[in-house]
Amino acid sequence: MTKSGEALRQLERLRALCAIYPETSERLSHGEPTFFARNRVFVMFDDHHHGADRIAAWLPAPDGMQELLIGSNPDTYFRPPYVGVKGWVGVVLDRTTDQDLAAHVHQAWLHVAPRTLQKSFTARG
């Protein structure tokens, strides 16, 4: 499936944020670009998944964060299908700033990256 110009722009925005983390890889999972810290998913791209009306990112979140974000801004944040029951949060990409998205990606990476990988990241500054 060919992505629209907006989907490609949002995907490149997300790629740039994910690329700063060591040992990050990208591959298709469930038909969408997905970012891994070693072998653990920390960001899934959502280009109108199952006909949804949005381009978004799905990210694992610390306990309680999903409810807090959705409660504070339900136009930007949502409970994604499948992984939402595990505390993941969806972020509508055209409704979030680069700074907020970077913070969410960072938190998601910290949530899943092995401690040794986290140490190598903080050691390099």
Protein backbone atom coordinates (compact mmCIF):
# COMPACT_ATOMS: atom_id res chain seq x y z
CA MET A 1 0.00 0.00 0.00
CA THR A 2 1.40 3.38 -1.00
CA LYS A 3 1.46 5.98 1.75
CA SER A 4 0.05 9.47 1.22
CA GLY A 5 2.28 12.54 1.37
CA GLU A 6 1.07 13.33 4.88
CA ALA A 7 1.67 9.76 6.07
CA LEU A 8 5.19 9.83 4.63
CA ARG A 9 5.88 13.18 6.29
CA GLN A 10 4.70 11.89 9.67
CA LEU A 11 6.63 8.64 9.23
CA GLU A 12 9.85 10.55 8.48
CA ARG A 13 9.23 12.71 11.55
CA LEU A 14 8.89 9.58 13.66
CA ARG A 15 11.91 7.89 12.04
CA ALA A 16 14.10 10.86 12.87
CA LEU A 17 13.11 10.67 16.54
CA CYS A 18 13.59 6.91 16.78
CA ALA A 19 16.94 6.95 14.97
CA ILE A 20 18.75 8.69 17.82
CA TYR A 21 18.52 5.61 20.03
CA PRO A 22 21.21 2.93 19.83
CA GLU A 23 20.43 -0.41 18.22
CA THR A 24 17.10 0.81 16.89
CA SER A 25 15.79 -1.09 13.90
CA GLU A 26 12.75 -0.63 11.74
CA ARG A 27 10.76 -3.36 10.08
CA LEU A 28 7.20 -4.04 9.05
CA SER A 29 4.93 -5.54 11.65
CA HIS A 30 1.24 -5.98 10.96
CA GLY A 31 1.77 -4.07 7.72
CA GLU A 32 3.14 -0.90 9.31
CA PRO A 33 6.65 0.42 10.04
CA THR A 34 7.57 -0.57 13.57
CA PHE A 35 10.60 0.46 15.62
CA PHE A 36 12.49 -1.91 17.88
CA ALA A 37 15.05 -1.48 20.66
CA ARG A 38 16.95 -4.66 20.00
CA ASN A 39 14.01 -7.07 19.76
CA ARG A 40 11.38 -5.11 21.69
CA VAL A 41 8.85 -2.78 20.08
CA PHE A 42 8.87 0.80 21.28
CA VAL A 43 6.92 2.57 18.50
CA MET A 44 4.38 1.36 15.97
CA PHE A 45 3.29 3.61 13.11
CA ASP A 46 -0.45 3.74 12.40
CA ASP A 47 -1.49 4.93 8.93
CA HIS A 48 -5.29 4.72 9.17
CA HIS A 49 -5.02 1.23 10.69
CA HIS A 50 -8.21 -0.74 10.02
CA GLY A 51 -9.82 2.36 8.50
CA ALA A 52 -9.16 4.70 11.41
CA ASP A 53 -9.38 8.41 10.59
CA ARG A 54 -5.87 9.24 11.79
CA ILE A 55 -2.14 8.88 11.33
CA ALA A 56 -0.68 8.03 14.69
CA ALA A 57 2.02 6.33 16.71
CA TRP A 58 1.39 3.64 19.29
CA LEU A 59 3.80 3.52 22.22
CA PRO A 60 4.13 1.57 25.45
CA ALA A 61 3.63 3.79 28.47
CA PRO A 62 4.33 3.54 32.19
CA ASP A 63 1.49 2.44 34.45
CA GLY A 64 -1.22 5.09 34.69
CA MET A 65 0.13 7.25 31.86
CA GLN A 66 -2.38 6.04 29.27
CA GLU A 67 -5.37 7.12 31.37
CA LEU A 68 -3.72 10.42 32.28
CA LEU A 69 -2.96 11.35 28.67
CA ILE A 70 -6.33 10.27 27.26
CA GLY A 71 -8.15 12.03 30.09
CA SER A 72 -6.21 15.24 29.58
CA ASN A 73 -6.53 15.40 25.78
CA PRO A 74 -8.77 12.79 24.09
CA ASP A 75 -8.40 14.51 20.70
CA THR A 76 -4.67 13.74 20.68
CA TYR A 77 -4.41 10.54 22.71
CA PHE A 78 -6.33 7.27 22.44
CA ARG A 79 -6.31 3.64 23.50
CA PRO A 80 -5.01 1.71 20.49
CA PRO A 81 -6.55 -1.62 19.53
CA TYR A 82 -4.78 -4.82 20.61
CA VAL A 83 -2.08 -3.19 22.76
CA GLY A 84 -4.22 -0.60 24.54
CA VAL A 85 -5.23 -3.17 27.13
CA LYS A 86 -1.52 -3.45 28.01
CA GLY A 87 -1.25 0.28 28.75
CA TRP A 88 -0.03 1.47 25.36
CA VAL A 89 -1.12 4.90 24.19
CA GLY A 90 -1.89 6.16 20.71
CA VAL A 91 -0.75 9.66 19.73
CA VAL A 92 -2.35 11.42 16.76
CA LEU A 93 0.73 12.77 15.02
CA ASP A 94 -0.67 15.94 13.49
CA ARG A 95 -2.03 16.98 16.89
CA THR A 96 1.21 16.80 18.86
CA THR A 97 4.31 18.96 18.88
CA ASP A 98 7.75 17.68 18.00
CA GLN A 99 8.81 18.26 21.59
CA ASP A 100 5.93 16.24 23.06
CA LEU A 101 6.38 13.47 20.51
CA ALA A 102 10.11 13.29 21.27
CA ALA A 103 9.29 12.96 24.99
CA HIS A 104 6.82 10.13 24.30
CA VAL A 105 9.31 8.28 22.08
CA HIS A 106 12.02 8.68 24.71
CA GLN A 107 9.75 7.37 27.47
CA ALA A 108 8.68 4.42 25.30
CA TRP A 109 12.30 3.56 24.49
CA LEU A 110 13.23 3.68 28.19
CA HIS A 111 10.22 1.49 28.95
CA VAL A 112 11.42 -1.39 26.74
CA ALA A 113 15.19 -1.01 26.16
CA PRO A 114 17.45 -3.33 28.16
CA ARG A 115 19.36 -1.60 30.95
CA THR A 116 22.70 -2.21 29.23
CA LEU A 117 21.41 -0.40 26.15
CA GLN A 118 20.10 2.47 28.27
CA LYS A 119 23.51 2.80 29.93
CA SER A 120 25.27 2.95 26.57
CA PHE A 121 22.89 5.70 25.48
CA THR A 122 23.38 7.84 28.57
CA ALA A 123 27.16 7.25 28.48
CA ARG A 124 27.45 8.71 24.99
CA GLY A 125 25.62 11.85 26.12
